[in-house]
Amino acid sequence: MSASSLVAEAVWKAIEDTRSEINGSVAVTEDQLSILHFLFGKNLERATRIVDQRGVKRISGEPSGRSIFQVVGESRRKEEYPCFAENYCGCYSFFYDVVNKGEQLCCKHQLAARFAASLGVCIEVKVSDEQLALLLSQL
């Protein structure tokens, strides 16, 4: 894991740790936003728009608890991209900017998934493990 990834992970953890046990609200500090913006640049702004528009679903299989995110894109078509926040996204930018060119740590969809998970604002969808396996087999 790179130093940037370790710093980002520490910020995500700190955000999760501030989540209130009573109402689930989270306070993201200016320092946390500043660090994330330094690490992710314009992708942070795009990711926050996706999160604000409730564009992140966490699809969890039962009984295993395994999950994958589906994140809505910003194009007019509103495609949903399958996403593992730390490792993979099905979007073009992931393959071009992250994998091929190595210019970004992650795409905006991965960032939106991680941010929504830290804030506790994912739309939670429960499916059977068989349904989750079918979804994953289509990747």
C-alpha atoms as a PDB file:
ATOM      1  CA  MET A   1       0.000   0.000   0.000  1.00  0.00           C
ATOM      2  CA  SER A   2       1.383   3.418  -0.961  1.00  0.00           C
ATOM      3  CA  ALA A   3       1.927   6.238   1.534  1.00  0.00           C
ATOM      4  CA  SER A   4      -0.953   8.157  -0.084  1.00  0.00           C
ATOM      5  CA  SER A   5      -3.254   5.163   0.329  1.00  0.00           C
ATOM      6  CA  LEU A   6      -2.279   4.825   3.986  1.00  0.00           C
ATOM      7  CA  VAL A   7      -3.011   8.512   4.618  1.00  0.00           C
ATOM      8  CA  ALA A   8      -6.366   8.240   2.831  1.00  0.00           C
ATOM      9  CA  GLU A   9      -7.262   5.117   4.819  1.00  0.00           C
ATOM     10  CA  ALA A  10      -6.473   6.926   8.080  1.00  0.00           C
ATOM     11  CA  VAL A  11      -8.791   9.781   7.075  1.00  0.00           C
ATOM     12  CA  TRP A  12     -11.610   7.375   6.114  1.00  0.00           C
ATOM     13  CA  LYS A  13     -11.217   5.625   9.468  1.00  0.00           C
ATOM     14  CA  ALA A  14     -11.289   8.944  11.348  1.00  0.00           C
ATOM     15  CA  ILE A  15     -14.505   9.924   9.532  1.00  0.00           C
ATOM     16  CA  GLU A  16     -16.094   6.563  10.389  1.00  0.00           C
ATOM     17  CA  ASP A  17     -15.051   6.941  14.023  1.00  0.00           C
ATOM     18  CA  THR A  18     -16.956  10.240  14.331  1.00  0.00           C
ATOM     19  CA  ARG A  19     -20.249   8.629  13.319  1.00  0.00           C
ATOM     20  CA  SER A  20     -22.742   9.190  16.106  1.00  0.00           C
ATOM     21  CA  GLU A  21     -24.165   6.086  17.692  1.00  0.00           C
ATOM     22  CA  ILE A  22     -27.486   7.849  18.204  1.00  0.00           C
ATOM     23  CA  ASN A  23     -28.424   9.288  14.812  1.00  0.00           C
ATOM     24  CA  GLY A  24     -25.600   8.154  12.537  1.00  0.00           C
ATOM     25  CA  SER A  25     -24.588  11.704  11.634  1.00  0.00           C
ATOM     26  CA  VAL A  26     -20.977  12.364  10.750  1.00  0.00           C
ATOM     27  CA  ALA A  27     -18.976  15.558  10.934  1.00  0.00           C
ATOM     28  CA  VAL A  28     -16.233  15.750   8.318  1.00  0.00           C
ATOM     29  CA  THR A  29     -13.661  18.341   9.334  1.00  0.00           C
ATOM     30  CA  GLU A  30     -12.076  20.926   7.064  1.00  0.00           C
ATOM     31  CA  ASP A  31      -8.697  19.261   7.695  1.00  0.00           C
ATOM     32  CA  GLN A  32     -10.037  15.893   6.551  1.00  0.00           C
ATOM     33  CA  LEU A  33     -11.542  17.426   3.409  1.00  0.00           C
ATOM     34  CA  SER A  34      -8.305  19.281   2.723  1.00  0.00           C
ATOM     35  CA  ILE A  35      -6.239  16.090   2.966  1.00  0.00           C
ATOM     36  CA  LEU A  36      -8.662  14.175   0.743  1.00  0.00           C
ATOM     37  CA  HIS A  37      -8.687  17.004  -1.795  1.00  0.00           C
ATOM     38  CA  PHE A  38      -4.889  17.039  -1.855  1.00  0.00           C
ATOM     39  CA  LEU A  39      -4.814  13.282  -2.473  1.00  0.00           C
ATOM     40  CA  PHE A  40      -7.684  13.011  -4.955  1.00  0.00           C
ATOM     41  CA  GLY A  41      -8.097  16.476  -6.503  1.00  0.00           C
ATOM     42  CA  LYS A  42     -11.043  16.984  -8.830  1.00  0.00           C
ATOM     43  CA  ASN A  43     -12.241  13.419  -8.275  1.00  0.00           C
ATOM     44  CA  LEU A  44     -13.181  14.310  -4.678  1.00  0.00           C
ATOM     45  CA  GLU A  45     -15.556  17.029  -5.876  1.00  0.00           C
ATOM     46  CA  ARG A  46     -17.128  14.669  -8.406  1.00  0.00           C
ATOM     47  CA  ALA A  47     -17.419  11.912  -5.822  1.00  0.00           C
ATOM     48  CA  THR A  48     -19.123  14.190  -3.301  1.00  0.00           C
ATOM     49  CA  ARG A  49     -21.715  15.132  -5.947  1.00  0.00           C
ATOM     50  CA  ILE A  50     -22.453  11.437  -6.491  1.00  0.00           C
ATOM     51  CA  VAL A  51     -22.772  10.874  -2.721  1.00  0.00           C
ATOM     52  CA  ASP A  52     -24.969  13.974  -2.311  1.00  0.00           C
ATOM     53  CA  GLN A  53     -27.295  12.634  -5.018  1.00  0.00           C
ATOM     54  CA  ARG A  54     -27.522   9.263  -3.203  1.00  0.00           C
ATOM     55  CA  GLY A  55     -25.795   7.512  -6.086  1.00  0.00           C
ATOM     56  CA  VAL A  56     -24.047   4.759  -4.110  1.00  0.00           C
ATOM     57  CA  LYS A  57     -25.598   1.344  -3.437  1.00  0.00           C
ATOM     58  CA  ARG A  58     -23.959  -1.380  -1.393  1.00  0.00           C
ATOM     59  CA  ILE A  59     -25.302  -4.731  -2.563  1.00  0.00           C
ATOM     60  CA  SER A  60     -24.766  -7.360   0.128  1.00  0.00           C
ATOM     61  CA  GLY A  61     -25.246 -11.081  -0.224  1.00  0.00           C
ATOM     62  CA  GLU A  62     -26.972 -13.047   2.484  1.00  0.00           C
ATOM     63  CA  PRO A  63     -26.007 -14.961   4.483  1.00  0.00           C
ATOM     64  CA  SER A  64     -22.298 -14.364   3.604  1.00  0.00           C
ATOM     65  CA  GLY A  65     -22.287 -10.584   4.032  1.00  0.00           C
ATOM     66  CA  ARG A  66     -20.032 -10.174   0.976  1.00  0.00           C
ATOM     67  CA  SER A  67     -20.718  -6.965  -0.884  1.00  0.00           C
ATOM     68  CA  ILE A  68     -20.050  -4.849  -3.937  1.00  0.00           C
ATOM     69  CA  PHE A  69     -20.903  -1.231  -4.627  1.00  0.00           C
ATOM     70  CA  GLN A  70     -22.888   0.042  -7.592  1.00  0.00           C
ATOM     71  CA  VAL A  71     -22.138   3.694  -8.236  1.00  0.00           C
ATOM     72  CA  VAL A  72     -24.092   5.933 -10.584  1.00  0.00           C
ATOM     73  CA  GLY A  73     -22.080   7.806 -13.182  1.00  0.00           C
ATOM     74  CA  GLU A  74     -22.521  11.475 -13.942  1.00  0.00           C
ATOM     75  CA  SER A  75     -23.318  11.083 -17.632  1.00  0.00           C
ATOM     76  CA  ARG A  76     -26.824  11.602 -18.969  1.00  0.00           C
ATOM     77  CA  ARG A  77     -27.265   7.839 -19.215  1.00  0.00           C
ATOM     78  CA  LYS A  78     -26.753   7.435 -15.448  1.00  0.00           C
ATOM     79  CA  GLU A  79     -24.965   4.126 -15.880  1.00  0.00           C
ATOM     80  CA  GLU A  80     -24.236   2.158 -12.725  1.00  0.00           C
ATOM     81  CA  TYR A  81     -20.676   0.926 -12.365  1.00  0.00           C
ATOM     82  CA  PRO A  82     -19.783  -2.147 -10.318  1.00  0.00           C
ATOM     83  CA  CYS A  83     -17.128  -1.120  -7.870  1.00  0.00           C
ATOM     84  CA  PHE A  84     -14.881  -2.469  -5.146  1.00  0.00           C
ATOM     85  CA  ALA A  85     -13.817   0.737  -3.397  1.00  0.00           C
ATOM     86  CA  GLU A  86     -10.183  -0.256  -2.871  1.00  0.00           C
ATOM     87  CA  ASN A  87      -9.466  -2.395  -5.945  1.00  0.00           C
ATOM     88  CA  TYR A  88     -11.702  -2.061  -8.985  1.00  0.00           C
ATOM     89  CA  CYS A  89     -14.305  -0.103 -10.908  1.00  0.00           C
ATOM     90  CA  GLY A  90     -15.984  -1.028 -14.177  1.00  0.00           C
ATOM     91  CA  CYS A  91     -15.706   2.509 -15.594  1.00  0.00           C
ATOM     92  CA  TYR A  92     -13.467   3.681 -18.416  1.00  0.00           C
ATOM     93  CA  SER A  93     -11.576   6.130 -16.184  1.00  0.00           C
ATOM     94  CA  PHE A  94     -10.456   3.340 -13.848  1.00  0.00           C
ATOM     95  CA  PHE A  95      -8.763   1.483 -16.691  1.00  0.00           C
ATOM     96  CA  TYR A  96      -7.413   4.585 -18.418  1.00  0.00           C
ATOM     97  CA  ASP A  97      -6.359   6.940 -15.585  1.00  0.00           C
ATOM     98  CA  VAL A  98      -5.735   4.487 -12.734  1.00  0.00           C
ATOM     99  CA  VAL A  99      -4.501   1.256 -14.326  1.00  0.00           C
ATOM    100  CA  ASN A 100      -3.035   2.356 -17.672  1.00  0.00           C
ATOM    101  CA  LYS A 101      -1.589   5.804 -16.971  1.00  0.00           C
ATOM    102  CA  GLY A 102      -1.256   5.567 -13.190  1.00  0.00           C
ATOM    103  CA  GLU A 103      -2.240   9.231 -12.857  1.00  0.00           C
ATOM    104  CA  GLN A 104      -4.910   8.711 -10.188  1.00  0.00           C
ATOM    105  CA  LEU A 105      -5.105   6.616  -7.026  1.00  0.00           C
ATOM    106  CA  CYS A 106      -8.705   5.711  -7.846  1.00  0.00           C
ATOM    107  CA  CYS A 107     -11.635   6.837  -9.966  1.00  0.00           C
ATOM    108  CA  LYS A 108     -14.488   9.032  -8.748  1.00  0.00           C
ATOM    109  CA  HIS A 109     -16.783   6.006  -8.401  1.00  0.00           C
ATOM    110  CA  GLN A 110     -14.363   4.218  -6.061  1.00  0.00           C
ATOM    111  CA  LEU A 111     -13.957   7.441  -4.110  1.00  0.00           C
ATOM    112  CA  ALA A 112     -17.733   7.944  -3.909  1.00  0.00           C
ATOM    113  CA  ALA A 113     -18.151   4.361  -2.663  1.00  0.00           C
ATOM    114  CA  ARG A 114     -15.503   4.834   0.029  1.00  0.00           C
ATOM    115  CA  PHE A 115     -16.868   8.223   1.064  1.00  0.00           C
ATOM    116  CA  ALA A 116     -20.476   6.984   1.249  1.00  0.00           C
ATOM    117  CA  ALA A 117     -19.399   3.936   3.251  1.00  0.00           C
ATOM    118  CA  SER A 118     -17.442   6.114   5.709  1.00  0.00           C
ATOM    119  CA  LEU A 119     -20.394   8.461   6.107  1.00  0.00           C
ATOM    120  CA  GLY A 120     -22.857   5.573   6.420  1.00  0.00           C
ATOM    121  CA  VAL A 121     -25.063   6.888   3.608  1.00  0.00           C
ATOM    122  CA  CYS A 122     -25.031   4.004   1.119  1.00  0.00           C
ATOM    123  CA  ILE A 123     -28.341   2.713  -0.131  1.00  0.00           C
ATOM    124  CA  GLU A 124     -28.290  -0.810   1.312  1.00  0.00           C
ATOM    125  CA  VAL A 125     -29.601  -3.600  -0.918  1.00  0.00           C
ATOM    126  CA  LYS A 126     -29.790  -7.183   0.363  1.00  0.00           C
ATOM    127  CA  VAL A 127     -29.761 -10.069  -2.109  1.00  0.00           C
ATOM    128  CA  SER A 128     -29.129 -13.785  -1.845  1.00  0.00           C
ATOM    129  CA  ASP A 129     -25.561 -14.993  -2.237  1.00  0.00           C
ATOM    130  CA  GLU A 130     -26.674 -16.630  -5.483  1.00  0.00           C
ATOM    131  CA  GLN A 131     -27.946 -13.311  -6.847  1.00  0.00           C
ATOM    132  CA  LEU A 132     -24.691 -11.616  -5.825  1.00  0.00           C
ATOM    133  CA  ALA A 133     -22.691 -14.358  -7.575  1.00  0.00           C
ATOM    134  CA  LEU A 134     -24.740 -13.798 -10.746  1.00  0.00           C
ATOM    135  CA  LEU A 135     -24.094 -10.065 -10.556  1.00  0.00           C
ATOM    136  CA  LEU A 136     -20.367 -10.647 -10.120  1.00  0.00           C
ATOM    137  CA  SER A 137     -20.255 -13.168 -12.969  1.00  0.00           C
ATOM    138  CA  GLN A 138     -21.406 -10.416 -15.327  1.00  0.00           C
ATOM    139  CA  LEU A 139     -18.305  -8.287 -14.656  1.00  0.00           C
END
